Amino acid sequence: MEYPVCMDDRRVGTLYAFAAGSDTDLRAVCRGAEKGLYRLYLRGGGGEVSLGVTEDGCLHRVFSPALLAPAGDVCCAVLRRCGGDASRPGLLARLPPEAHTVRRGGRAEVTIPWREGQPFPMEELFCFARPGRGNVTYLFDSAGQPVMPEF
């Protein structure tokens, strides 16, 4: 099956869905969006299911029926930019309300409460995360872009 991938009421790509045993193999190709980090959602009559973050406009994931069930009957996929608050640069625009930010030497250190078993905060940036006791810390440069932590 093929579904349109839409962003801001325009088509920017195609989501291909194939049977993979009892699972569904999902492949998206999005060429109509500017470069950047985007999250792709599957939209249906029951709501939306996050499929993950695209890489160079593409995404490939395999989902079980249980993970896709909340969407219901699928009608399309939706692409959304990660970020959006113009008053804060880059990815700092999409911090959750419980985030605590400290500025140090041109960088922002962001600590977000998190416990194992809960959804990972800002999961598209998991490789930049420094997990701690009951929290996750991210570093951002002055442009709001993530900085790899030193361990």
N, C-alpha and C. Protein backbone atom coordinates (compact mmCIF):
# COMPACT_ATOMS: atom_id res chain seq x y z
N MET A 1 0.84 -1.17 0.00
CA MET A 1 0.00 0.00 0.00
C MET A 1 0.88 1.24 0.00
N GLU A 2 0.35 2.31 -0.55
CA GLU A 2 1.04 3.60 -0.55
C GLU A 2 0.14 4.64 0.09
N TYR A 3 0.76 5.52 0.89
CA TYR A 3 0.05 6.61 1.54
C TYR A 3 0.81 7.90 1.30
N PRO A 4 0.09 9.01 1.12
CA PRO A 4 0.79 10.29 0.97
C PRO A 4 1.41 10.72 2.29
N VAL A 5 2.57 11.36 2.21
CA VAL A 5 3.18 12.00 3.37
C VAL A 5 2.94 13.49 3.18
N CYS A 6 2.25 14.11 4.16
CA CYS A 6 1.87 15.52 4.05
C CYS A 6 2.53 16.35 5.14
N MET A 7 2.77 17.60 4.79
CA MET A 7 3.32 18.57 5.74
C MET A 7 2.72 19.92 5.39
N ASP A 8 2.10 20.57 6.36
CA ASP A 8 1.48 21.88 6.13
C ASP A 8 0.53 21.85 4.93
N ASP A 9 -0.34 20.86 4.87
CA ASP A 9 -1.36 20.74 3.83
C ASP A 9 -0.81 20.57 2.41
N ARG A 10 0.41 20.05 2.29
CA ARG A 10 0.93 19.73 0.96
C ARG A 10 1.65 18.40 1.01
N ARG A 11 1.64 17.70 -0.09
CA ARG A 11 2.29 16.40 -0.16
C ARG A 11 3.79 16.59 -0.35
N VAL A 12 4.58 15.90 0.51
CA VAL A 12 6.03 16.02 0.45
C VAL A 12 6.71 14.67 0.24
N GLY A 13 5.92 13.59 0.15
CA GLY A 13 6.52 12.28 -0.04
C GLY A 13 5.50 11.17 -0.04
N THR A 14 6.03 9.94 0.05
CA THR A 14 5.19 8.75 0.02
C THR A 14 5.64 7.78 1.10
N LEU A 15 4.68 7.16 1.77
CA LEU A 15 4.93 6.10 2.74
C LEU A 15 4.49 4.79 2.11
N TYR A 16 5.40 3.83 2.04
CA TYR A 16 5.11 2.52 1.48
C TYR A 16 4.97 1.53 2.63
N ALA A 17 3.90 0.74 2.63
CA ALA A 17 3.65 -0.25 3.68
C ALA A 17 3.57 -1.62 3.05
N PHE A 18 4.39 -2.56 3.54
CA PHE A 18 4.45 -3.92 3.03
C PHE A 18 4.25 -4.89 4.19
N ALA A 19 3.61 -6.01 3.91
CA ALA A 19 3.49 -7.07 4.91
C ALA A 19 4.87 -7.69 5.10
N ALA A 20 5.22 -7.93 6.35
CA ALA A 20 6.48 -8.60 6.70
C ALA A 20 6.13 -9.65 7.74
N GLY A 21 5.58 -10.76 7.27
CA GLY A 21 5.04 -11.76 8.20
C GLY A 21 3.80 -11.15 8.83
N SER A 22 3.72 -11.17 10.15
CA SER A 22 2.58 -10.55 10.83
C SER A 22 2.82 -9.06 11.09
N ASP A 23 4.04 -8.57 10.82
CA ASP A 23 4.39 -7.16 11.03
C ASP A 23 4.17 -6.35 9.76
N THR A 24 4.41 -5.05 9.86
CA THR A 24 4.32 -4.16 8.70
C THR A 24 5.65 -3.45 8.53
N ASP A 25 6.21 -3.55 7.34
CA ASP A 25 7.46 -2.89 6.96
C ASP A 25 7.07 -1.53 6.38
N LEU A 26 7.53 -0.45 6.99
CA LEU A 26 7.19 0.90 6.56
C LEU A 26 8.43 1.60 6.03
N ARG A 27 8.30 2.16 4.83
CA ARG A 27 9.41 2.90 4.21
C ARG A 27 8.86 4.22 3.69
N ALA A 28 9.46 5.32 4.13
CA ALA A 28 9.03 6.64 3.69
C ALA A 28 10.13 7.31 2.89
N VAL A 29 9.72 8.01 1.86
CA VAL A 29 10.63 8.82 1.05
C VAL A 29 10.00 10.21 0.96
N CYS A 30 10.68 11.22 1.52
CA CYS A 30 10.17 12.58 1.55
C CYS A 30 11.18 13.49 0.88
N ARG A 31 10.82 14.01 -0.27
CA ARG A 31 11.74 14.87 -1.02
C ARG A 31 11.28 16.33 -1.05
N GLY A 32 10.07 16.60 -0.58
CA GLY A 32 9.53 17.95 -0.67
C GLY A 32 9.71 18.80 0.56
N ALA A 33 10.56 18.38 1.50
CA ALA A 33 10.79 19.16 2.73
C ALA A 33 12.24 19.64 2.77
N GLU A 34 12.47 20.78 3.41
CA GLU A 34 13.82 21.30 3.57
C GLU A 34 14.63 20.34 4.44
N LYS A 35 15.96 20.47 4.37
CA LYS A 35 16.82 19.65 5.23
C LYS A 35 16.53 19.97 6.68
N GLY A 36 16.65 18.96 7.54
CA GLY A 36 16.44 19.15 8.97
C GLY A 36 15.90 17.89 9.60
N LEU A 37 15.65 17.97 10.90
CA LEU A 37 15.08 16.85 11.63
C LEU A 37 13.57 16.92 11.59
N TYR A 38 12.94 15.81 11.19
CA TYR A 38 11.49 15.72 11.12
C TYR A 38 11.03 14.43 11.77
N ARG A 39 9.87 14.49 12.39
CA ARG A 39 9.25 13.29 12.95
C ARG A 39 8.10 12.94 12.02
N LEU A 40 7.97 11.63 11.74
CA LEU A 40 6.92 11.13 10.86
C LEU A 40 5.88 10.40 11.69
N TYR A 41 4.61 10.71 11.45
CA TYR A 41 3.48 10.11 12.15
C TYR A 41 2.58 9.40 11.16
N LEU A 42 2.05 8.26 11.54
CA LEU A 42 1.04 7.55 10.78
C LEU A 42 -0.31 8.04 11.30
N ARG A 43 -1.18 8.52 10.41
CA ARG A 43 -2.46 9.08 10.84
C ARG A 43 -3.59 8.19 10.33
N GLY A 44 -4.53 7.91 11.23
CA GLY A 44 -5.71 7.13 10.87
C GLY A 44 -6.92 7.61 11.63
N GLY A 45 -8.01 6.86 11.51
CA GLY A 45 -9.26 7.23 12.17
C GLY A 45 -9.17 7.23 13.68
N GLY A 46 -8.21 6.50 14.26
CA GLY A 46 -8.08 6.42 15.70
C GLY A 46 -7.10 7.42 16.29
N GLY A 47 -6.30 8.07 15.43
CA GLY A 47 -5.31 9.02 15.92
C GLY A 47 -4.00 8.88 15.17
N GLU A 48 -2.91 9.21 15.85
CA GLU A 48 -1.59 9.18 15.23
C GLU A 48 -0.65 8.27 16.01
N VAL A 49 0.28 7.66 15.27
CA VAL A 49 1.34 6.83 15.85
C VAL A 49 2.67 7.38 15.35
N SER A 50 3.58 7.68 16.26
CA SER A 50 4.90 8.17 15.87
C SER A 50 5.71 7.02 15.27
N LEU A 51 6.24 7.26 14.06
CA LEU A 51 7.06 6.25 13.39
C LEU A 51 8.54 6.49 13.61
N GLY A 52 8.90 7.70 13.99
CA GLY A 52 10.30 7.99 14.25
C GLY A 52 10.76 9.23 13.51
N VAL A 53 12.06 9.46 13.52
CA VAL A 53 12.67 10.64 12.91
C VAL A 53 13.28 10.25 11.59
N THR A 54 13.00 11.06 10.56
CA THR A 54 13.54 10.77 9.23
C THR A 54 15.02 11.10 9.18
N GLU A 55 15.73 10.41 8.31
CA GLU A 55 17.15 10.67 8.07
C GLU A 55 17.29 10.96 6.59
N ASP A 56 17.72 12.17 6.26
CA ASP A 56 17.85 12.60 4.87
C ASP A 56 16.56 12.38 4.10
N GLY A 57 15.43 12.63 4.76
CA GLY A 57 14.13 12.52 4.11
C GLY A 57 13.60 11.11 4.00
N CYS A 58 14.29 10.14 4.59
CA CYS A 58 13.86 8.75 4.49
C CYS A 58 13.68 8.13 5.88
N LEU A 59 12.88 7.09 5.93
CA LEU A 59 12.65 6.37 7.17
C LEU A 59 12.33 4.93 6.82
N HIS A 60 12.85 3.99 7.58
CA HIS A 60 12.54 2.57 7.42
C HIS A 60 12.37 1.95 8.80
N ARG A 61 11.17 1.43 9.07
CA ARG A 61 10.88 0.80 10.34
C ARG A 61 9.97 -0.40 10.11
N VAL A 62 10.00 -1.33 11.05
CA VAL A 62 9.08 -2.47 11.04
C VAL A 62 8.29 -2.42 12.34
N PHE A 63 6.96 -2.42 12.24
CA PHE A 63 6.09 -2.30 13.39
C PHE A 63 5.18 -3.51 13.51
N SER A 64 4.89 -3.90 14.74
CA SER A 64 3.94 -4.98 15.00
C SER A 64 2.52 -4.43 14.87
N PRO A 65 1.53 -5.30 14.68
CA PRO A 65 0.15 -4.83 14.62
C PRO A 65 -0.26 -4.07 15.89
N ALA A 66 0.24 -4.49 17.06
CA ALA A 66 -0.12 -3.83 18.32
C ALA A 66 0.37 -2.38 18.36
N LEU A 67 1.56 -2.12 17.79
CA LEU A 67 2.10 -0.76 17.80
C LEU A 67 1.35 0.16 16.83
N LEU A 68 0.83 -0.40 15.75
CA LEU A 68 0.12 0.41 14.75
C LEU A 68 -1.38 0.55 15.06
N ALA A 69 -1.91 -0.32 15.90
CA ALA A 69 -3.35 -0.35 16.19
C ALA A 69 -3.94 0.99 16.63
N PRO A 70 -3.25 1.79 17.46
CA PRO A 70 -3.87 3.05 17.90
C PRO A 70 -4.24 4.01 16.76
N ALA A 71 -3.60 3.89 15.60
CA ALA A 71 -3.92 4.77 14.47
C ALA A 71 -5.26 4.40 13.84
N GLY A 72 -5.65 3.15 13.94
CA GLY A 72 -6.90 2.72 13.29
C GLY A 72 -6.70 2.59 11.79
N ASP A 73 -7.75 2.87 11.02
CA ASP A 73 -7.67 2.81 9.56
C ASP A 73 -6.79 3.95 9.06
N VAL A 74 -5.67 3.61 8.42
CA VAL A 74 -4.68 4.59 7.99
C VAL A 74 -5.17 5.37 6.78
N CYS A 75 -4.95 6.70 6.81
CA CYS A 75 -5.30 7.53 5.65
C CYS A 75 -4.08 8.23 5.06
N CYS A 76 -3.06 8.53 5.91
CA CYS A 76 -1.87 9.22 5.40
C CYS A 76 -0.78 9.20 6.47
N ALA A 77 0.33 9.82 6.14
CA ALA A 77 1.40 10.05 7.11
C ALA A 77 1.61 11.56 7.18
N VAL A 78 2.05 12.03 8.34
CA VAL A 78 2.25 13.46 8.56
C VAL A 78 3.69 13.69 8.99
N LEU A 79 4.33 14.66 8.36
CA LEU A 79 5.70 15.02 8.68
C LEU A 79 5.69 16.34 9.44
N ARG A 80 6.38 16.37 10.59
CA ARG A 80 6.46 17.60 11.39
C ARG A 80 7.91 17.88 11.75
N ARG A 81 8.29 19.13 11.62
CA ARG A 81 9.65 19.53 11.99
C ARG A 81 9.82 19.39 13.49
N CYS A 82 10.98 18.93 13.90
CA CYS A 82 11.31 18.84 15.32
C CYS A 82 11.73 20.25 15.75
N GLY A 83 10.89 20.94 16.48
CA GLY A 83 11.15 22.30 16.90
C GLY A 83 10.06 23.21 16.36
N GLY A 84 10.00 24.42 16.84
CA GLY A 84 8.99 25.31 16.33
C GLY A 84 8.80 26.62 17.08
N ASP A 85 9.34 26.76 18.26
CA ASP A 85 9.19 28.00 19.03
C ASP A 85 10.26 28.98 18.55
N ALA A 86 9.83 30.00 17.82
CA ALA A 86 10.77 30.95 17.22
C ALA A 86 11.56 31.74 18.26
N SER A 87 11.11 31.80 19.51
CA SER A 87 11.82 32.57 20.52
C SER A 87 13.04 31.82 21.06
N ARG A 88 13.17 30.54 20.75
CA ARG A 88 14.31 29.75 21.19
C ARG A 88 14.94 29.11 19.97
N PRO A 89 16.28 29.13 19.89
CA PRO A 89 16.94 28.61 18.69
C PRO A 89 16.93 27.08 18.61
N GLY A 90 16.90 26.57 17.38
CA GLY A 90 17.07 25.15 17.11
C GLY A 90 16.14 24.25 17.90
N LEU A 91 16.69 23.16 18.37
CA LEU A 91 15.90 22.14 19.07
C LEU A 91 15.51 22.56 20.48
N LEU A 92 16.08 23.63 20.98
CA LEU A 92 15.65 24.15 22.29
C LEU A 92 14.19 24.60 22.24
N ALA A 93 13.69 24.81 21.04
CA ALA A 93 12.30 25.26 20.86
C ALA A 93 11.29 24.19 21.26
N ARG A 94 11.71 22.94 21.32
CA ARG A 94 10.73 21.89 21.60
C ARG A 94 10.97 21.17 22.93
N LEU A 95 11.60 21.85 23.86
CA LEU A 95 11.82 21.25 25.19
C LEU A 95 10.49 21.04 25.89
N PRO A 96 10.36 19.93 26.62
CA PRO A 96 9.14 19.73 27.40
C PRO A 96 9.08 20.72 28.56
N PRO A 97 7.89 21.00 29.07
CA PRO A 97 7.74 22.01 30.13
C PRO A 97 8.51 21.70 31.40
N GLU A 98 8.76 20.43 31.69
CA GLU A 98 9.46 20.07 32.92
C GLU A 98 10.98 20.16 32.80
N ALA A 99 11.49 20.57 31.64
CA ALA A 99 12.94 20.69 31.43
C ALA A 99 13.51 21.85 32.23
N HIS A 100 14.71 21.65 32.77
CA HIS A 100 15.42 22.68 33.52
C HIS A 100 16.66 23.05 32.70
N THR A 101 16.80 24.32 32.35
CA THR A 101 17.91 24.77 31.50
C THR A 101 18.86 25.67 32.27
N VAL A 102 20.16 25.39 32.12
CA VAL A 102 21.21 26.22 32.72
C VAL A 102 22.15 26.60 31.59
N ARG A 103 22.47 27.89 31.48
CA ARG A 103 23.40 28.38 30.44
C ARG A 103 24.80 28.43 31.03
N ARG A 104 25.75 27.85 30.27
CA ARG A 104 27.14 27.85 30.71
C ARG A 104 28.05 28.07 29.50
N GLY A 105 28.76 29.17 29.48
CA GLY A 105 29.75 29.41 28.44
C GLY A 105 29.24 29.26 27.02
N GLY A 106 28.11 29.83 26.69
CA GLY A 106 27.58 29.75 25.33
C GLY A 106 26.82 28.47 25.03
N ARG A 107 26.74 27.58 25.99
CA ARG A 107 25.98 26.34 25.82
C ARG A 107 24.80 26.31 26.78
N ALA A 108 23.83 25.52 26.40
CA ALA A 108 22.68 25.29 27.28
C ALA A 108 22.73 23.84 27.74
N GLU A 109 22.69 23.64 29.06
CA GLU A 109 22.61 22.30 29.63
C GLU A 109 21.17 22.09 30.08
N VAL A 110 20.52 21.10 29.48
CA VAL A 110 19.11 20.85 29.72
C VAL A 110 18.94 19.52 30.44
N THR A 111 18.28 19.55 31.59
CA THR A 111 18.01 18.33 32.36
C THR A 111 16.51 18.10 32.37
N ILE A 112 16.13 16.87 31.99
CA ILE A 112 14.72 16.50 31.90
C ILE A 112 14.49 15.29 32.81
N PRO A 113 13.50 15.36 33.71
CA PRO A 113 13.21 14.21 34.56
C PRO A 113 12.84 12.98 33.71
N TRP A 114 13.35 11.81 34.11
CA TRP A 114 13.05 10.57 33.39
C TRP A 114 13.33 9.36 34.27
N ARG A 115 12.46 8.40 34.20
CA ARG A 115 12.63 7.13 34.92
C ARG A 115 12.57 5.99 33.90
N GLU A 116 13.37 4.97 34.14
CA GLU A 116 13.36 3.80 33.26
C GLU A 116 11.94 3.25 33.16
N GLY A 117 11.53 2.91 31.94
CA GLY A 117 10.19 2.42 31.70
C GLY A 117 9.25 3.49 31.18
N GLN A 118 9.63 4.76 31.34
CA GLN A 118 8.85 5.87 30.79
C GLN A 118 9.35 6.16 29.38
N PRO A 119 8.54 6.84 28.56
CA PRO A 119 9.04 7.24 27.22
C PRO A 119 10.28 8.12 27.38
N PHE A 120 11.26 7.88 26.53
CA PHE A 120 12.52 8.62 26.60
C PHE A 120 12.28 10.06 26.13
N PRO A 121 12.70 11.07 26.90
CA PRO A 121 12.47 12.46 26.50
C PRO A 121 13.31 12.83 25.28
N MET A 122 12.69 13.49 24.32
CA MET A 122 13.35 13.92 23.09
C MET A 122 14.05 12.73 22.44
N GLU A 123 13.29 11.66 22.21
CA GLU A 123 13.88 10.40 21.76
C GLU A 123 14.66 10.51 20.46
N GLU A 124 14.34 11.48 19.60
CA GLU A 124 15.09 11.62 18.37
C GLU A 124 16.54 12.05 18.61
N LEU A 125 16.83 12.51 19.84
CA LEU A 125 18.18 12.92 20.22
C LEU A 125 18.84 11.96 21.20
N PHE A 126 18.33 10.72 21.28
CA PHE A 126 18.81 9.79 22.31
C PHE A 126 20.32 9.61 22.29
N CYS A 127 20.94 9.68 21.11
CA CYS A 127 22.39 9.46 21.05
C CYS A 127 23.17 10.64 21.65
N PHE A 128 22.51 11.77 21.87
CA PHE A 128 23.14 12.94 22.50
C PHE A 128 22.85 12.98 24.01
N ALA A 129 22.08 12.03 24.51
CA ALA A 129 21.64 12.05 25.91
C ALA A 129 22.73 11.54 26.85
N ARG A 130 22.74 12.11 28.04
CA ARG A 130 23.59 11.63 29.13
C ARG A 130 22.64 11.27 30.27
N PRO A 131 22.26 9.98 30.36
CA PRO A 131 21.32 9.56 31.41
C PRO A 131 21.96 9.69 32.79
N GLY A 132 21.14 10.09 33.75
CA GLY A 132 21.58 10.20 35.13
C GLY A 132 20.58 9.52 36.04
N ARG A 133 20.66 9.78 37.31
CA ARG A 133 19.70 9.21 38.26
C ARG A 133 18.41 10.01 38.22
N GLY A 134 17.40 9.43 37.59
CA GLY A 134 16.10 10.08 37.52
C GLY A 134 15.99 11.21 36.51
N ASN A 135 17.01 11.32 35.62
CA ASN A 135 16.94 12.38 34.61
C ASN A 135 17.81 12.05 33.40
N VAL A 136 17.66 12.87 32.39
CA VAL A 136 18.48 12.81 31.17
C VAL A 136 18.97 14.23 30.93
N THR A 137 20.25 14.37 30.57
CA THR A 137 20.81 15.69 30.31
C THR A 137 21.28 15.78 28.86
N TYR A 138 20.96 16.92 28.23
CA TYR A 138 21.40 17.21 26.87
C TYR A 138 22.20 18.51 26.90
N LEU A 139 23.17 18.64 26.01
CA LEU A 139 23.91 19.89 25.82
C LEU A 139 23.56 20.43 24.44
N PHE A 140 23.37 21.76 24.36
CA PHE A 140 23.07 22.43 23.10
C PHE A 140 24.03 23.60 22.92
N ASP A 141 24.43 23.86 21.67
CA ASP A 141 25.28 25.01 21.40
C ASP A 141 24.42 26.27 21.31
N SER A 142 25.03 27.42 21.02
CA SER A 142 24.30 28.69 21.02
C SER A 142 23.25 28.76 19.91
N ALA A 143 23.35 27.90 18.89
CA ALA A 143 22.37 27.86 17.81
C ALA A 143 21.23 26.88 18.11
N GLY A 144 21.29 26.24 19.29
CA GLY A 144 20.25 25.30 19.67
C GLY A 144 20.43 23.92 19.08
N GLN A 145 21.63 23.59 18.61
CA GLN A 145 21.91 22.28 18.04
C GLN A 145 22.55 21.39 19.12
N PRO A 146 22.23 20.09 19.11
CA PRO A 146 22.76 19.21 20.15
C PRO A 146 24.27 19.03 20.03
N VAL A 147 24.90 18.84 21.20
CA VAL A 147 26.34 18.63 21.29
C VAL A 147 26.55 17.25 21.91
N MET A 148 27.42 16.45 21.32
CA MET A 148 27.69 15.12 21.84
C MET A 148 28.36 15.23 23.21
N PRO A 149 27.82 14.51 24.21
CA PRO A 149 28.40 14.60 25.55
C PRO A 149 29.74 13.86 25.63
N GLU A 150 30.56 14.28 26.57
CA GLU A 150 31.83 13.59 26.83
C GLU A 150 31.60 12.70 28.04
N PHE A 151 31.91 11.44 27.89
CA PHE A 151 31.71 10.48 29.00
C PHE A 151 33.01 10.16 29.67
